[in-house]
Amino acid sequence: MFELGRNKIFRGKREFNKVYSKGRSLANREIVIYILEDENLRGKVGFAAGKKLGCAVVRNRVKRLLREAYRLNQHNIKPNCAIILMGRKNLVEAKCEVAIKSFCDLCKRAKIWID
């Protein structure tokens, strides 16, 4: 029901760079979201965590939190958007509920949330 297939996740650097350069961004204390409305990248999502967050274990945990927040709410997001979710320092010690709430708030502010 709430699957996140491999074909929906960004794989190449070219796709990430396109969203970073041409998309718009919004941020809160835990997450930065980059959004690009593009037909070629329709419905794709990427997850990122920079080295400033900590070691690989910490970065992987942050990406797992971001994936779970997206997976549970992907049905509430407009399908014509490509999204990159980037974790911030406050997400390192946060629980999953905080990540989900933060993601939902950002999507509503970005006007890509479907009620």
PDB file of N, CA and C in Angstrom:
ATOM      1  N   MET A   1       0.816  -1.188   0.000  1.00  0.00           N
ATOM      2  CA  MET A   1       0.000   0.000   0.000  1.00  0.00           C
ATOM      3  C   MET A   1       0.864   1.258   0.000  1.00  0.00           C
ATOM      4  N   PHE A   2       1.803   1.349   0.923  1.00  0.00           N
ATOM      5  CA  PHE A   2       2.666   2.515   1.008  1.00  0.00           C
ATOM      6  C   PHE A   2       4.075   2.154   0.567  1.00  0.00           C
ATOM      7  N   GLU A   3       4.229   1.709  -0.664  1.00  0.00           N
ATOM      8  CA  GLU A   3       5.528   1.299  -1.156  1.00  0.00           C
ATOM      9  C   GLU A   3       6.271   2.479  -1.771  1.00  0.00           C
ATOM     10  N   LEU A   4       7.566   2.391  -1.743  1.00  0.00           N
ATOM     11  CA  LEU A   4       8.420   3.365  -2.402  1.00  0.00           C
ATOM     12  C   LEU A   4       9.344   2.586  -3.317  1.00  0.00           C
ATOM     13  N   GLY A   5       8.926   2.436  -4.576  1.00  0.00           N
ATOM     14  CA  GLY A   5       9.672   1.625  -5.532  1.00  0.00           C
ATOM     15  C   GLY A   5      10.981   2.257  -5.959  1.00  0.00           C
ATOM     16  N   ARG A   6      11.886   1.423  -6.422  1.00  0.00           N
ATOM     17  CA  ARG A   6      13.196   1.903  -6.861  1.00  0.00           C
ATOM     18  C   ARG A   6      13.100   2.830  -8.072  1.00  0.00           C
ATOM     19  N   ASN A   7      12.071   2.665  -8.886  1.00  0.00           N
ATOM     20  CA  ASN A   7      11.932   3.518 -10.062  1.00  0.00           C
ATOM     21  C   ASN A   7      11.480   4.933  -9.713  1.00  0.00           C
ATOM     22  N   LYS A   8      11.102   5.190  -8.479  1.00  0.00           N
ATOM     23  CA  LYS A   8      10.678   6.521  -8.041  1.00  0.00           C
ATOM     24  C   LYS A   8      11.805   7.308  -7.381  1.00  0.00           C
ATOM     25  N   ILE A   9      12.958   6.677  -7.158  1.00  0.00           N
ATOM     26  CA  ILE A   9      14.047   7.328  -6.445  1.00  0.00           C
ATOM     27  C   ILE A   9      15.116   7.788  -7.436  1.00  0.00           C
ATOM     28  N   PHE A  10      15.612   9.012  -7.248  1.00  0.00           N
ATOM     29  CA  PHE A  10      16.705   9.527  -8.067  1.00  0.00           C
ATOM     30  C   PHE A  10      17.928   8.644  -7.912  1.00  0.00           C
ATOM     31  N   ARG A  11      18.610   8.397  -9.002  1.00  0.00           N
ATOM     32  CA  ARG A  11      19.829   7.611  -8.940  1.00  0.00           C
ATOM     33  C   ARG A  11      21.045   8.405  -9.428  1.00  0.00           C
ATOM     34  N   GLY A  12      20.883   9.173 -10.481  1.00  0.00           N
ATOM     35  CA  GLY A  12      22.033   9.838 -11.070  1.00  0.00           C
ATOM     36  C   GLY A  12      22.269  11.236 -10.551  1.00  0.00           C
ATOM     37  N   LYS A  13      23.514  11.666 -10.641  1.00  0.00           N
ATOM     38  CA  LYS A  13      23.885  13.004 -10.215  1.00  0.00           C
ATOM     39  C   LYS A  13      23.219  14.056 -11.098  1.00  0.00           C
ATOM     40  N   ARG A  14      23.000  13.723 -12.350  1.00  0.00           N
ATOM     41  CA  ARG A  14      22.384  14.655 -13.290  1.00  0.00           C
ATOM     42  C   ARG A  14      20.970  15.038 -12.852  1.00  0.00           C
ATOM     43  N   GLU A  15      20.194  14.062 -12.365  1.00  0.00           N
ATOM     44  CA  GLU A  15      18.829  14.339 -11.899  1.00  0.00           C
ATOM     45  C   GLU A  15      18.847  15.218 -10.650  1.00  0.00           C
ATOM     46  N   PHE A  16      19.745  14.912  -9.722  1.00  0.00           N
ATOM     47  CA  PHE A  16      19.865  15.729  -8.516  1.00  0.00           C
ATOM     48  C   PHE A  16      20.220  17.167  -8.879  1.00  0.00           C
ATOM     49  N   ASN A  17      21.213  17.328  -9.732  1.00  0.00           N
ATOM     50  CA  ASN A  17      21.666  18.676 -10.098  1.00  0.00           C
ATOM     51  C   ASN A  17      20.585  19.474 -10.814  1.00  0.00           C
ATOM     52  N   LYS A  18      19.768  18.811 -11.613  1.00  0.00           N
ATOM     53  CA  LYS A  18      18.682  19.506 -12.304  1.00  0.00           C
ATOM     54  C   LYS A  18      17.686  20.080 -11.301  1.00  0.00           C
ATOM     55  N   VAL A  19      17.326  19.298 -10.295  1.00  0.00           N
ATOM     56  CA  VAL A  19      16.380  19.769  -9.281  1.00  0.00           C
ATOM     57  C   VAL A  19      17.021  20.856  -8.423  1.00  0.00           C
ATOM     58  N   TYR A  20      18.299  20.672  -8.051  1.00  0.00           N
ATOM     59  CA  TYR A  20      18.984  21.684  -7.250  1.00  0.00           C
ATOM     60  C   TYR A  20      19.058  23.027  -7.982  1.00  0.00           C
ATOM     61  N   SER A  21      19.395  22.984  -9.270  1.00  0.00           N
ATOM     62  CA  SER A  21      19.628  24.239  -9.991  1.00  0.00           C
ATOM     63  C   SER A  21      18.341  24.911 -10.464  1.00  0.00           C
ATOM     64  N   LYS A  22      17.375  24.144 -10.921  1.00  0.00           N
ATOM     65  CA  LYS A  22      16.163  24.738 -11.496  1.00  0.00           C
ATOM     66  C   LYS A  22      14.971  24.767 -10.548  1.00  0.00           C
ATOM     67  N   GLY A  23      15.037  24.028  -9.464  1.00  0.00           N
ATOM     68  CA  GLY A  23      13.905  23.943  -8.540  1.00  0.00           C
ATOM     69  C   GLY A  23      13.914  25.055  -7.511  1.00  0.00           C
ATOM     70  N   ARG A  24      12.850  25.084  -6.732  1.00  0.00           N
ATOM     71  CA  ARG A  24      12.757  26.045  -5.636  1.00  0.00           C
ATOM     72  C   ARG A  24      12.940  25.289  -4.330  1.00  0.00           C
ATOM     73  N   SER A  25      13.326  26.011  -3.284  1.00  0.00           N
ATOM     74  CA  SER A  25      13.587  25.332  -2.025  1.00  0.00           C
ATOM     75  C   SER A  25      12.872  26.017  -0.876  1.00  0.00           C
ATOM     76  N   LEU A  26      12.532  25.218   0.096  1.00  0.00           N
ATOM     77  CA  LEU A  26      11.951  25.674   1.356  1.00  0.00           C
ATOM     78  C   LEU A  26      12.645  24.901   2.467  1.00  0.00           C
ATOM     79  N   ALA A  27      12.681  25.494   3.645  1.00  0.00           N
ATOM     80  CA  ALA A  27      13.357  24.821   4.751  1.00  0.00           C
ATOM     81  C   ALA A  27      12.666  25.115   6.067  1.00  0.00           C
ATOM     82  N   ASN A  28      12.840  24.203   6.991  1.00  0.00           N
ATOM     83  CA  ASN A  28      12.492  24.439   8.389  1.00  0.00           C
ATOM     84  C   ASN A  28      13.662  23.930   9.225  1.00  0.00           C
ATOM     85  N   ARG A  29      13.479  23.711  10.486  1.00  0.00           N
ATOM     86  CA  ARG A  29      14.606  23.357  11.359  1.00  0.00           C
ATOM     87  C   ARG A  29      15.186  21.976  11.066  1.00  0.00           C
ATOM     88  N   GLU A  30      14.379  21.059  10.548  1.00  0.00           N
ATOM     89  CA  GLU A  30      14.828  19.691  10.364  1.00  0.00           C
ATOM     90  C   GLU A  30      15.134  19.305   8.918  1.00  0.00           C
ATOM     91  N   ILE A  31      14.404  19.885   7.958  1.00  0.00           N
ATOM     92  CA  ILE A  31      14.477  19.421   6.572  1.00  0.00           C
ATOM     93  C   ILE A  31      14.562  20.603   5.621  1.00  0.00           C
ATOM     94  N   VAL A  32      15.291  20.398   4.519  1.00  0.00           N
ATOM     95  CA  VAL A  32      15.258  21.302   3.372  1.00  0.00           C
ATOM     96  C   VAL A  32      14.622  20.510   2.238  1.00  0.00           C
ATOM     97  N   ILE A  33      13.673  21.114   1.536  1.00  0.00           N
ATOM     98  CA  ILE A  33      13.008  20.444   0.431  1.00  0.00           C
ATOM     99  C   ILE A  33      13.226  21.247  -0.847  1.00  0.00           C
ATOM    100  N   TYR A  34      13.637  20.551  -1.905  1.00  0.00           N
ATOM    101  CA  TYR A  34      13.799  21.148  -3.227  1.00  0.00           C
ATOM    102  C   TYR A  34      12.702  20.571  -4.105  1.00  0.00           C
ATOM    103  N   ILE A  35      12.006  21.442  -4.833  1.00  0.00           N
ATOM    104  CA  ILE A  35      10.859  21.013  -5.632  1.00  0.00           C
ATOM    105  C   ILE A  35      11.018  21.530  -7.054  1.00  0.00           C
ATOM    106  N   LEU A  36      10.794  20.636  -8.024  1.00  0.00           N
ATOM    107  CA  LEU A  36      10.822  21.013  -9.433  1.00  0.00           C
ATOM    108  C   LEU A  36       9.642  20.350 -10.118  1.00  0.00           C
ATOM    109  N   GLU A  37       8.845  21.160 -10.773  1.00  0.00           N
ATOM    110  CA  GLU A  37       7.725  20.615 -11.537  1.00  0.00           C
ATOM    111  C   GLU A  37       8.209  20.365 -12.953  1.00  0.00           C
ATOM    112  N   ASP A  38       8.443  19.093 -13.269  1.00  0.00           N
ATOM    113  CA  ASP A  38       9.007  18.689 -14.554  1.00  0.00           C
ATOM    114  C   ASP A  38       8.370  17.374 -14.970  1.00  0.00           C
ATOM    115  N   GLU A  39       7.962  17.275 -16.219  1.00  0.00           N
ATOM    116  CA  GLU A  39       7.313  16.059 -16.708  1.00  0.00           C
ATOM    117  C   GLU A  39       8.281  14.883 -16.812  1.00  0.00           C
ATOM    118  N   ASN A  40       9.563  15.160 -17.130  1.00  0.00           N
ATOM    119  CA  ASN A  40      10.536  14.073 -17.255  1.00  0.00           C
ATOM    120  C   ASN A  40      10.866  13.432 -15.915  1.00  0.00           C
ATOM    121  N   LEU A  41      10.829  14.212 -14.857  1.00  0.00           N
ATOM    122  CA  LEU A  41      11.156  13.712 -13.517  1.00  0.00           C
ATOM    123  C   LEU A  41       9.910  13.515 -12.668  1.00  0.00           C
ATOM    124  N   ARG A  42       8.780  13.438 -13.274  1.00  0.00           N
ATOM    125  CA  ARG A  42       7.481  13.363 -12.619  1.00  0.00           C
ATOM    126  C   ARG A  42       7.436  12.272 -11.544  1.00  0.00           C
ATOM    127  N   GLY A  43       7.138  12.684 -10.316  1.00  0.00           N
ATOM    128  CA  GLY A  43       6.942  11.743  -9.222  1.00  0.00           C
ATOM    129  C   GLY A  43       8.203  11.151  -8.618  1.00  0.00           C
ATOM    130  N   LYS A  44       9.366  11.653  -8.996  1.00  0.00           N
ATOM    131  CA  LYS A  44      10.604  11.106  -8.448  1.00  0.00           C
ATOM    132  C   LYS A  44      11.004  11.844  -7.187  1.00  0.00           C
ATOM    133  N   VAL A  45      11.778  11.167  -6.368  1.00  0.00           N
ATOM    134  CA  VAL A  45      12.198  11.737  -5.090  1.00  0.00           C
ATOM    135  C   VAL A  45      13.644  11.329  -4.816  1.00  0.00           C
ATOM    136  N   GLY A  46      14.371  12.225  -4.158  1.00  0.00           N
ATOM    137  CA  GLY A  46      15.744  11.939  -3.764  1.00  0.00           C
ATOM    138  C   GLY A  46      15.942  12.302  -2.305  1.00  0.00           C
ATOM    139  N   PHE A  47      16.901  11.644  -1.678  1.00  0.00           N
ATOM    140  CA  PHE A  47      17.171  11.872  -0.263  1.00  0.00           C
ATOM    141  C   PHE A  47      18.655  12.161  -0.098  1.00  0.00           C
ATOM    142  N   ALA A  48      18.967  13.174   0.706  1.00  0.00           N
ATOM    143  CA  ALA A  48      20.365  13.569   0.876  1.00  0.00           C
ATOM    144  C   ALA A  48      20.651  13.912   2.329  1.00  0.00           C
ATOM    145  N   ALA A  49      21.888  13.661   2.711  1.00  0.00           N
ATOM    146  CA  ALA A  49      22.373  14.027   4.043  1.00  0.00           C
ATOM    147  C   ALA A  49      23.854  14.344   3.897  1.00  0.00           C
ATOM    148  N   GLY A  50      24.231  15.571   4.164  1.00  0.00           N
ATOM    149  CA  GLY A  50      25.605  16.007   3.986  1.00  0.00           C
ATOM    150  C   GLY A  50      26.535  15.485   5.065  1.00  0.00           C
ATOM    151  N   LYS A  51      27.824  15.565   4.779  1.00  0.00           N
ATOM    152  CA  LYS A  51      28.831  15.060   5.717  1.00  0.00           C
ATOM    153  C   LYS A  51      28.915  15.873   6.996  1.00  0.00           C
ATOM    154  N   LYS A  52      28.369  17.073   6.995  1.00  0.00           N
ATOM    155  CA  LYS A  52      28.367  17.887   8.207  1.00  0.00           C
ATOM    156  C   LYS A  52      27.509  17.266   9.311  1.00  0.00           C
ATOM    157  N   LEU A  53      26.604  16.376   8.942  1.00  0.00           N
ATOM    158  CA  LEU A  53      25.717  15.762   9.934  1.00  0.00           C
ATOM    159  C   LEU A  53      26.440  14.753  10.813  1.00  0.00           C
ATOM    160  N   GLY A  54      27.480  14.136  10.290  1.00  0.00           N
ATOM    161  CA  GLY A  54      28.203  13.158  11.085  1.00  0.00           C
ATOM    162  C   GLY A  54      28.707  12.007  10.242  1.00  0.00           C
ATOM    163  N   CYS A  55      28.989  10.900  10.905  1.00  0.00           N
ATOM    164  CA  CYS A  55      29.527   9.732  10.225  1.00  0.00           C
ATOM    165  C   CYS A  55      28.448   9.059   9.368  1.00  0.00           C
ATOM    166  N   ALA A  56      28.844   8.021   8.657  1.00  0.00           N
ATOM    167  CA  ALA A  56      27.937   7.344   7.731  1.00  0.00           C
ATOM    168  C   ALA A  56      26.716   6.771   8.440  1.00  0.00           C
ATOM    169  N   VAL A  57      26.888   6.286   9.650  1.00  0.00           N
ATOM    170  CA  VAL A  57      25.769   5.722  10.401  1.00  0.00           C
ATOM    171  C   VAL A  57      24.708   6.793  10.649  1.00  0.00           C
ATOM    172  N   VAL A  58      25.138   7.973  11.032  1.00  0.00           N
ATOM    173  CA  VAL A  58      24.216   9.075  11.311  1.00  0.00           C
ATOM    174  C   VAL A  58      23.530   9.532  10.022  1.00  0.00           C
ATOM    175  N   ARG A  59      24.294   9.670   8.962  1.00  0.00           N
ATOM    176  CA  ARG A  59      23.720  10.110   7.685  1.00  0.00           C
ATOM    177  C   ARG A  59      22.705   9.107   7.153  1.00  0.00           C
ATOM    178  N   ASN A  60      23.001   7.822   7.290  1.00  0.00           N
ATOM    179  CA  ASN A  60      22.054   6.799   6.848  1.00  0.00           C
ATOM    180  C   ASN A  60      20.779   6.826   7.675  1.00  0.00           C
ATOM    181  N   ARG A  61      20.885   7.080   8.966  1.00  0.00           N
ATOM    182  CA  ARG A  61      19.692   7.181   9.807  1.00  0.00           C
ATOM    183  C   ARG A  61      18.830   8.361   9.379  1.00  0.00           C
ATOM    184  N   VAL A  62      19.461   9.490   9.077  1.00  0.00           N
ATOM    185  CA  VAL A  62      18.725  10.667   8.626  1.00  0.00           C
ATOM    186  C   VAL A  62      18.000  10.354   7.318  1.00  0.00           C
ATOM    187  N   LYS A  63      18.672   9.684   6.395  1.00  0.00           N
ATOM    188  CA  LYS A  63      18.022   9.332   5.122  1.00  0.00           C
ATOM    189  C   LYS A  63      16.887   8.340   5.320  1.00  0.00           C
ATOM    190  N   ARG A  64      17.030   7.421   6.276  1.00  0.00           N
ATOM    191  CA  ARG A  64      15.935   6.492   6.582  1.00  0.00           C
ATOM    192  C   ARG A  64      14.726   7.234   7.122  1.00  0.00           C
ATOM    193  N   LEU A  65      14.956   8.224   7.985  1.00  0.00           N
ATOM    194  CA  LEU A  65      13.847   9.035   8.504  1.00  0.00           C
ATOM    195  C   LEU A  65      13.152   9.790   7.379  1.00  0.00           C
ATOM    196  N   LEU A  66      13.931  10.354   6.471  1.00  0.00           N
ATOM    197  CA  LEU A  66      13.349  11.090   5.347  1.00  0.00           C
ATOM    198  C   LEU A  66      12.557  10.162   4.429  1.00  0.00           C
ATOM    199  N   ARG A  67      13.098   8.979   4.160  1.00  0.00           N
ATOM    200  CA  ARG A  67      12.379   8.012   3.315  1.00  0.00           C
ATOM    201  C   ARG A  67      11.065   7.588   3.941  1.00  0.00           C
ATOM    202  N   GLU A  68      11.082   7.358   5.234  1.00  0.00           N
ATOM    203  CA  GLU A  68       9.855   6.937   5.929  1.00  0.00           C
ATOM    204  C   GLU A  68       8.824   8.058   5.928  1.00  0.00           C
ATOM    205  N   ALA A  69       9.252   9.285   6.158  1.00  0.00           N
ATOM    206  CA  ALA A  69       8.320  10.419   6.134  1.00  0.00           C
ATOM    207  C   ALA A  69       7.697  10.557   4.753  1.00  0.00           C
ATOM    208  N   TYR A  70       8.496  10.400   3.719  1.00  0.00           N
ATOM    209  CA  TYR A  70       7.957  10.492   2.358  1.00  0.00           C
ATOM    210  C   TYR A  70       7.043   9.308   2.045  1.00  0.00           C
ATOM    211  N   ARG A  71       7.482   8.097   2.402  1.00  0.00           N
ATOM    212  CA  ARG A  71       6.718   6.890   2.077  1.00  0.00           C
ATOM    213  C   ARG A  71       5.314   6.927   2.663  1.00  0.00           C
ATOM    214  N   LEU A  72       5.202   7.393   3.895  1.00  0.00           N
ATOM    215  CA  LEU A  72       3.899   7.418   4.552  1.00  0.00           C
ATOM    216  C   LEU A  72       2.980   8.508   4.007  1.00  0.00           C
ATOM    217  N   ASN A  73       3.523   9.525   3.374  1.00  0.00           N
ATOM    218  CA  ASN A  73       2.716  10.659   2.916  1.00  0.00           C
ATOM    219  C   ASN A  73       2.765  10.890   1.417  1.00  0.00           C
ATOM    220  N   GLN A  74       3.321   9.966   0.648  1.00  0.00           N
ATOM    221  CA  GLN A  74       3.477  10.172  -0.785  1.00  0.00           C
ATOM    222  C   GLN A  74       2.139  10.293  -1.518  1.00  0.00           C
ATOM    223  N   HIS A  75       1.102   9.699  -0.982  1.00  0.00           N
ATOM    224  CA  HIS A  75      -0.206   9.781  -1.618  1.00  0.00           C
ATOM    225  C   HIS A  75      -0.838  11.173  -1.453  1.00  0.00           C
ATOM    226  N   ASN A  76      -0.297  11.996  -0.554  1.00  0.00           N
ATOM    227  CA  ASN A  76      -0.820  13.349  -0.334  1.00  0.00           C
ATOM    228  C   ASN A  76      -0.062  14.421  -1.107  1.00  0.00           C
ATOM    229  N   ILE A  77       0.880  14.030  -1.945  1.00  0.00           N
ATOM    230  CA  ILE A  77       1.709  14.993  -2.672  1.00  0.00           C
ATOM    231  C   ILE A  77       1.313  14.992  -4.139  1.00  0.00           C
ATOM    232  N   LYS A  78       1.311  16.194  -4.732  1.00  0.00           N
ATOM    233  CA  LYS A  78       0.988  16.316  -6.150  1.00  0.00           C
ATOM    234  C   LYS A  78       1.934  15.447  -6.971  1.00  0.00           C
ATOM    235  N   PRO A  79       1.401  14.724  -7.962  1.00  0.00           N
ATOM    236  CA  PRO A  79       2.232  13.769  -8.703  1.00  0.00           C
ATOM    237  C   PRO A  79       3.155  14.396  -9.748  1.00  0.00           C
ATOM    238  N   ASN A  80       3.017  15.680 -10.051  1.00  0.00           N
ATOM    239  CA  ASN A  80       3.820  16.273 -11.118  1.00  0.00           C
ATOM    240  C   ASN A  80       5.107  16.920 -10.601  1.00  0.00           C
ATOM    241  N   CYS A  81       5.527  16.589  -9.390  1.00  0.00           N
ATOM    242  CA  CYS A  81       6.686  17.224  -8.766  1.00  0.00           C
ATOM    243  C   CYS A  81       7.830  16.235  -8.597  1.00  0.00           C
ATOM    244  N   ALA A  82       9.040  16.738  -8.795  1.00  0.00           N
ATOM    245  CA  ALA A  82      10.247  16.020  -8.407  1.00  0.00           C
ATOM    246  C   ALA A  82      10.735  16.667  -7.120  1.00  0.00           C
ATOM    247  N   ILE A  83      11.086  15.865  -6.132  1.00  0.00           N
ATOM    248  CA  ILE A  83      11.409  16.375  -4.802  1.00  0.00           C
ATOM    249  C   ILE A  83      12.751  15.811  -4.341  1.00  0.00           C
ATOM    250  N   ILE A  84      13.545  16.660  -3.707  1.00  0.00           N
ATOM    251  CA  ILE A  84      14.735  16.210  -2.986  1.00  0.00           C
ATOM    252  C   ILE A  84      14.569  16.639  -1.541  1.00  0.00           C
ATOM    253  N   LEU A  85      14.734  15.699  -0.639  1.00  0.00           N
ATOM    254  CA  LEU A  85      14.664  15.970   0.799  1.00  0.00           C
ATOM    255  C   LEU A  85      16.068  15.887   1.377  1.00  0.00           C
ATOM    256  N   MET A  86      16.470  16.946   2.068  1.00  0.00           N
ATOM    257  CA  MET A  86      17.804  16.990   2.660  1.00  0.00           C
ATOM    258  C   MET A  86      17.668  17.191   4.166  1.00  0.00           C
ATOM    259  N   GLY A  87      18.326  16.342   4.914  1.00  0.00           N
ATOM    260  CA  GLY A  87      18.271  16.427   6.365  1.00  0.00           C
ATOM    261  C   GLY A  87      19.181  17.515   6.906  1.00  0.00           C
ATOM    262  N   ARG A  88      18.768  18.108   8.016  1.00  0.00           N
ATOM    263  CA  ARG A  88      19.568  19.114   8.713  1.00  0.00           C
ATOM    264  C   ARG A  88      19.981  18.580  10.075  1.00  0.00           C
ATOM    265  N   LYS A  89      20.805  19.336  10.760  1.00  0.00           N
ATOM    266  CA  LYS A  89      21.408  18.897  12.028  1.00  0.00           C
ATOM    267  C   LYS A  89      20.357  18.527  13.084  1.00  0.00           C
ATOM    268  N   ASN A  90      19.236  19.242  13.126  1.00  0.00           N
ATOM    269  CA  ASN A  90      18.206  18.952  14.132  1.00  0.00           C
ATOM    270  C   ASN A  90      17.514  17.608  13.911  1.00  0.00           C
ATOM    271  N   LEU A  91      17.640  17.043  12.716  1.00  0.00           N
ATOM    272  CA  LEU A  91      17.008  15.751  12.436  1.00  0.00           C
ATOM    273  C   LEU A  91      17.841  14.588  12.961  1.00  0.00           C
ATOM    274  N   VAL A  92      19.100  14.837  13.275  1.00  0.00           N
ATOM    275  CA  VAL A  92      19.994  13.769  13.737  1.00  0.00           C
ATOM    276  C   VAL A  92      19.471  13.112  15.008  1.00  0.00           C
ATOM    277  N   GLU A  93      19.027  13.898  15.966  1.00  0.00           N
ATOM    278  CA  GLU A  93      18.552  13.370  17.244  1.00  0.00           C
ATOM    279  C   GLU A  93      17.025  13.242  17.303  1.00  0.00           C
ATOM    280  N   ALA A  94      16.333  13.561  16.228  1.00  0.00           N
ATOM    281  CA  ALA A  94      14.866  13.587  16.231  1.00  0.00           C
ATOM    282  C   ALA A  94      14.275  12.193  16.075  1.00  0.00           C
ATOM    283  N   LYS A  95      13.047  12.059  16.511  1.00  0.00           N
ATOM    284  CA  LYS A  95      12.274  10.828  16.336  1.00  0.00           C
ATOM    285  C   LYS A  95      11.570  10.867  14.981  1.00  0.00           C
ATOM    286  N   CYS A  96      11.014   9.750  14.588  1.00  0.00           N
ATOM    287  CA  CYS A  96      10.341   9.635  13.295  1.00  0.00           C
ATOM    288  C   CYS A  96       9.123  10.558  13.211  1.00  0.00           C
ATOM    289  N   GLU A  97       8.399  10.710  14.300  1.00  0.00           N
ATOM    290  CA  GLU A  97       7.208  11.570  14.298  1.00  0.00           C
ATOM    291  C   GLU A  97       7.574  13.017  13.982  1.00  0.00           C
ATOM    292  N   VAL A  98       8.721  13.462  14.469  1.00  0.00           N
ATOM    293  CA  VAL A  98       9.175  14.826  14.190  1.00  0.00           C
ATOM    294  C   VAL A  98       9.479  14.988  12.707  1.00  0.00           C
ATOM    295  N   ALA A  99      10.116  13.992  12.124  1.00  0.00           N
ATOM    296  CA  ALA A  99      10.435  14.041  10.694  1.00  0.00           C
ATOM    297  C   ALA A  99       9.158  14.069   9.854  1.00  0.00           C
ATOM    298  N   ILE A 100       8.179  13.278  10.226  1.00  0.00           N
ATOM    299  CA  ILE A 100       6.921  13.235   9.474  1.00  0.00           C
ATOM    300  C   ILE A 100       6.188  14.566   9.573  1.00  0.00           C
ATOM    301  N   LYS A 101       6.102  15.117  10.763  1.00  0.00           N
ATOM    302  CA  LYS A 101       5.423  16.398  10.945  1.00  0.00           C
ATOM    303  C   LYS A 101       6.141  17.515  10.186  1.00  0.00           C
ATOM    304  N   SER A 102       7.452  17.516  10.256  1.00  0.00           N
ATOM    305  CA  SER A 102       8.249  18.524   9.566  1.00  0.00           C
ATOM    306  C   SER A 102       8.063  18.427   8.052  1.00  0.00           C
ATOM    307  N   PHE A 103       8.059  17.205   7.524  1.00  0.00           N
ATOM    308  CA  PHE A 103       7.860  17.000   6.087  1.00  0.00           C
ATOM    309  C   PHE A 103       6.481  17.464   5.648  1.00  0.00           C
ATOM    310  N   CYS A 104       5.456  17.123   6.406  1.00  0.00           N
ATOM    311  CA  CYS A 104       4.086  17.530   6.062  1.00  0.00           C
ATOM    312  C   CYS A 104       3.943  19.054   6.082  1.00  0.00           C
ATOM    313  N   ASP A 105       4.533  19.690   7.077  1.00  0.00           N
ATOM    314  CA  ASP A 105       4.469  21.151   7.155  1.00  0.00           C
ATOM    315  C   ASP A 105       5.142  21.807   5.952  1.00  0.00           C
ATOM    316  N   LEU A 106       6.285  21.285   5.553  1.00  0.00           N
ATOM    317  CA  LEU A 106       6.976  21.852   4.394  1.00  0.00           C
ATOM    318  C   LEU A 106       6.178  21.669   3.112  1.00  0.00           C
ATOM    319  N   CYS A 107       5.556  20.511   2.955  1.00  0.00           N
ATOM    320  CA  CYS A 107       4.757  20.266   1.747  1.00  0.00           C
ATOM    321  C   CYS A 107       3.552  21.203   1.690  1.00  0.00           C
ATOM    322  N   LYS A 108       2.953  21.464   2.832  1.00  0.00           N
ATOM    323  CA  LYS A 108       1.824  22.392   2.859  1.00  0.00           C
ATOM    324  C   LYS A 108       2.274  23.805   2.534  1.00  0.00           C
ATOM    325  N   ARG A 109       3.428  24.217   3.063  1.00  0.00           N
ATOM    326  CA  ARG A 109       3.959  25.549   2.757  1.00  0.00           C
ATOM    327  C   ARG A 109       4.336  25.666   1.284  1.00  0.00           C
ATOM    328  N   ALA A 110       4.786  24.575   0.675  1.00  0.00           N
ATOM    329  CA  ALA A 110       5.191  24.584  -0.726  1.00  0.00           C
ATOM    330  C   ALA A 110       4.006  24.449  -1.670  1.00  0.00           C
ATOM    331  N   LYS A 111       2.818  24.241  -1.110  1.00  0.00           N
ATOM    332  CA  LYS A 111       1.585  24.076  -1.889  1.00  0.00           C
ATOM    333  C   LYS A 111       1.632  22.877  -2.839  1.00  0.00           C
ATOM    334  N   ILE A 112       2.254  21.797  -2.384  1.00  0.00           N
ATOM    335  CA  ILE A 112       2.222  20.558  -3.149  1.00  0.00           C
ATOM    336  C   ILE A 112       1.432  19.475  -2.398  1.00  0.00           C
ATOM    337  N   TRP A 113       0.785  19.852  -1.312  1.00  0.00           N
ATOM    338  CA  TRP A 113       0.013  18.943  -0.473  1.00  0.00           C
ATOM    339  C   TRP A 113      -1.408  18.869  -0.994  1.00  0.00           C
ATOM    340  N   ILE A 114      -1.927  17.657  -1.127  1.00  0.00           N
ATOM    341  CA  ILE A 114      -3.308  17.435  -1.530  1.00  0.00           C
ATOM    342  C   ILE A 114      -4.088  16.998  -0.292  1.00  0.00           C
ATOM    343  N   ASP A 115      -5.159  17.687   0.030  1.00  0.00           N
ATOM    344  CA  ASP A 115      -5.959  17.320   1.204  1.00  0.00           C
ATOM    345  C   ASP A 115      -6.953  16.224   0.902  1.00  0.00           C
TER     346      ASP A 115
END
